[in-house]
């Protein structure tokens, strides 16, 4: 990945049904742009980054675009596609 390649990260939690749906939605969107979705389980990450779970743990799934919150609970496909096109 170079500096101009966007990154999409899905913050998840084990057993989260909405997280599973969001990942299924994100994969084809990101594939259209030649990128892969990274997933981060906030509970596992809390061992080294407790602030991540504190910030996002109550409203999963959360989509991060280039490390910044893009959407939560639902994938905003139209907005994500538009932002990835820039």
Protein backbone atom coordinates (compact mmCIF):
# COMPACT_ATOMS: atom_id res chain seq x y z
CA UNK A 1 0.00 0.00 0.00
CA UNK A 2 1.34 3.43 -0.85
CA UNK A 3 0.51 6.73 0.82
CA UNK A 4 -2.34 7.46 -1.61
CA UNK A 5 -4.04 4.09 -1.14
CA UNK A 6 -6.97 4.44 1.27
CA UNK A 7 -7.39 2.08 4.19
CA UNK A 8 -10.70 0.73 5.44
CA UNK A 9 -10.85 -0.77 8.92
CA UNK A 10 -13.87 -2.39 10.52
CA UNK A 11 -13.95 -2.29 14.31
CA UNK A 12 -15.71 -5.42 15.52
CA UNK A 13 -16.42 -7.65 18.47
CA UNK A 14 -16.63 -11.43 18.57
CA UNK A 15 -20.26 -12.54 18.29
CA UNK A 16 -21.51 -9.23 16.87
CA UNK A 17 -24.12 -9.98 14.20
CA UNK A 18 -24.12 -6.42 12.86
CA UNK A 19 -20.34 -6.64 12.51
CA UNK A 20 -20.67 -9.74 10.36
CA UNK A 21 -23.19 -8.01 8.10
CA UNK A 22 -21.00 -4.90 7.84
CA UNK A 23 -17.97 -6.99 6.83
CA UNK A 24 -20.02 -8.75 4.15
CA UNK A 25 -21.08 -5.33 2.81
CA UNK A 26 -17.58 -3.85 2.94
CA UNK A 27 -15.72 -6.64 1.14
CA UNK A 28 -17.21 -6.10 -2.35
CA UNK A 29 -17.09 -2.30 -2.01
CA UNK A 30 -13.41 -2.37 -1.11
CA UNK A 31 -12.67 -5.01 -3.76
CA UNK A 32 -13.99 -2.58 -6.38
CA UNK A 33 -11.21 -0.20 -5.28
CA UNK A 34 -8.51 -2.86 -5.01
CA UNK A 35 -8.21 -2.70 -1.24
CA UNK A 36 -8.85 -5.17 1.55
CA UNK A 37 -10.85 -4.55 4.68
CA UNK A 38 -8.82 -4.77 7.87
CA UNK A 39 -10.74 -5.93 10.93
CA UNK A 40 -9.89 -5.06 14.52
CA UNK A 41 -11.63 -6.73 17.44
CA UNK A 42 -11.89 -3.95 20.04
CA UNK A 43 -11.88 -6.43 22.92
CA UNK A 44 -8.67 -8.09 21.76
CA UNK A 45 -7.09 -4.71 20.99
CA UNK A 46 -7.95 -3.47 24.48
CA UNK A 47 -4.94 -5.35 25.84
CA UNK A 48 -2.67 -2.81 24.19
CA UNK A 49 -5.09 0.00 23.30
CA UNK A 50 -7.87 0.29 25.91
CA UNK A 51 -8.89 3.68 24.52
CA UNK A 52 -10.10 2.01 21.33
CA UNK A 53 -12.70 -0.05 23.18
CA UNK A 54 -13.57 2.88 25.43
CA UNK A 55 -14.23 5.09 22.41
CA UNK A 56 -16.02 2.66 20.08
CA UNK A 57 -17.08 -0.37 22.14
CA UNK A 58 -20.69 0.68 22.64
CA UNK A 59 -21.49 1.39 18.99
CA UNK A 60 -20.02 -1.40 16.92
CA UNK A 61 -19.53 -1.98 14.07
CA UNK A 62 -17.54 1.12 13.19
CA UNK A 63 -16.01 1.76 9.77
CA UNK A 64 -12.79 3.74 9.77
CA UNK A 65 -11.54 5.32 6.57
CA UNK A 66 -7.86 6.20 6.77
CA UNK A 67 -8.06 5.86 10.55
CA UNK A 68 -11.00 8.24 10.97
CA UNK A 69 -14.56 7.29 11.80
CA UNK A 70 -16.65 7.08 8.66
CA UNK A 71 -19.83 5.37 9.85
CA UNK A 72 -21.16 3.15 12.58
CA UNK A 73 -23.89 0.51 12.94
CA UNK A 74 -24.54 0.62 9.17
CA UNK A 75 -22.21 0.86 6.19
CA UNK A 76 -23.00 4.05 4.27
CA UNK A 77 -22.20 2.52 0.88
CA UNK A 78 -22.88 5.57 -1.28
CA UNK A 79 -20.80 7.86 0.93
CA UNK A 80 -17.97 5.31 1.26
CA UNK A 81 -17.81 4.81 -2.51
CA UNK A 82 -17.76 8.54 -3.06
CA UNK A 83 -15.00 9.02 -0.48
CA UNK A 84 -12.93 6.15 -1.90
CA UNK A 85 -13.24 7.67 -5.38
CA UNK A 86 -11.52 10.88 -4.29
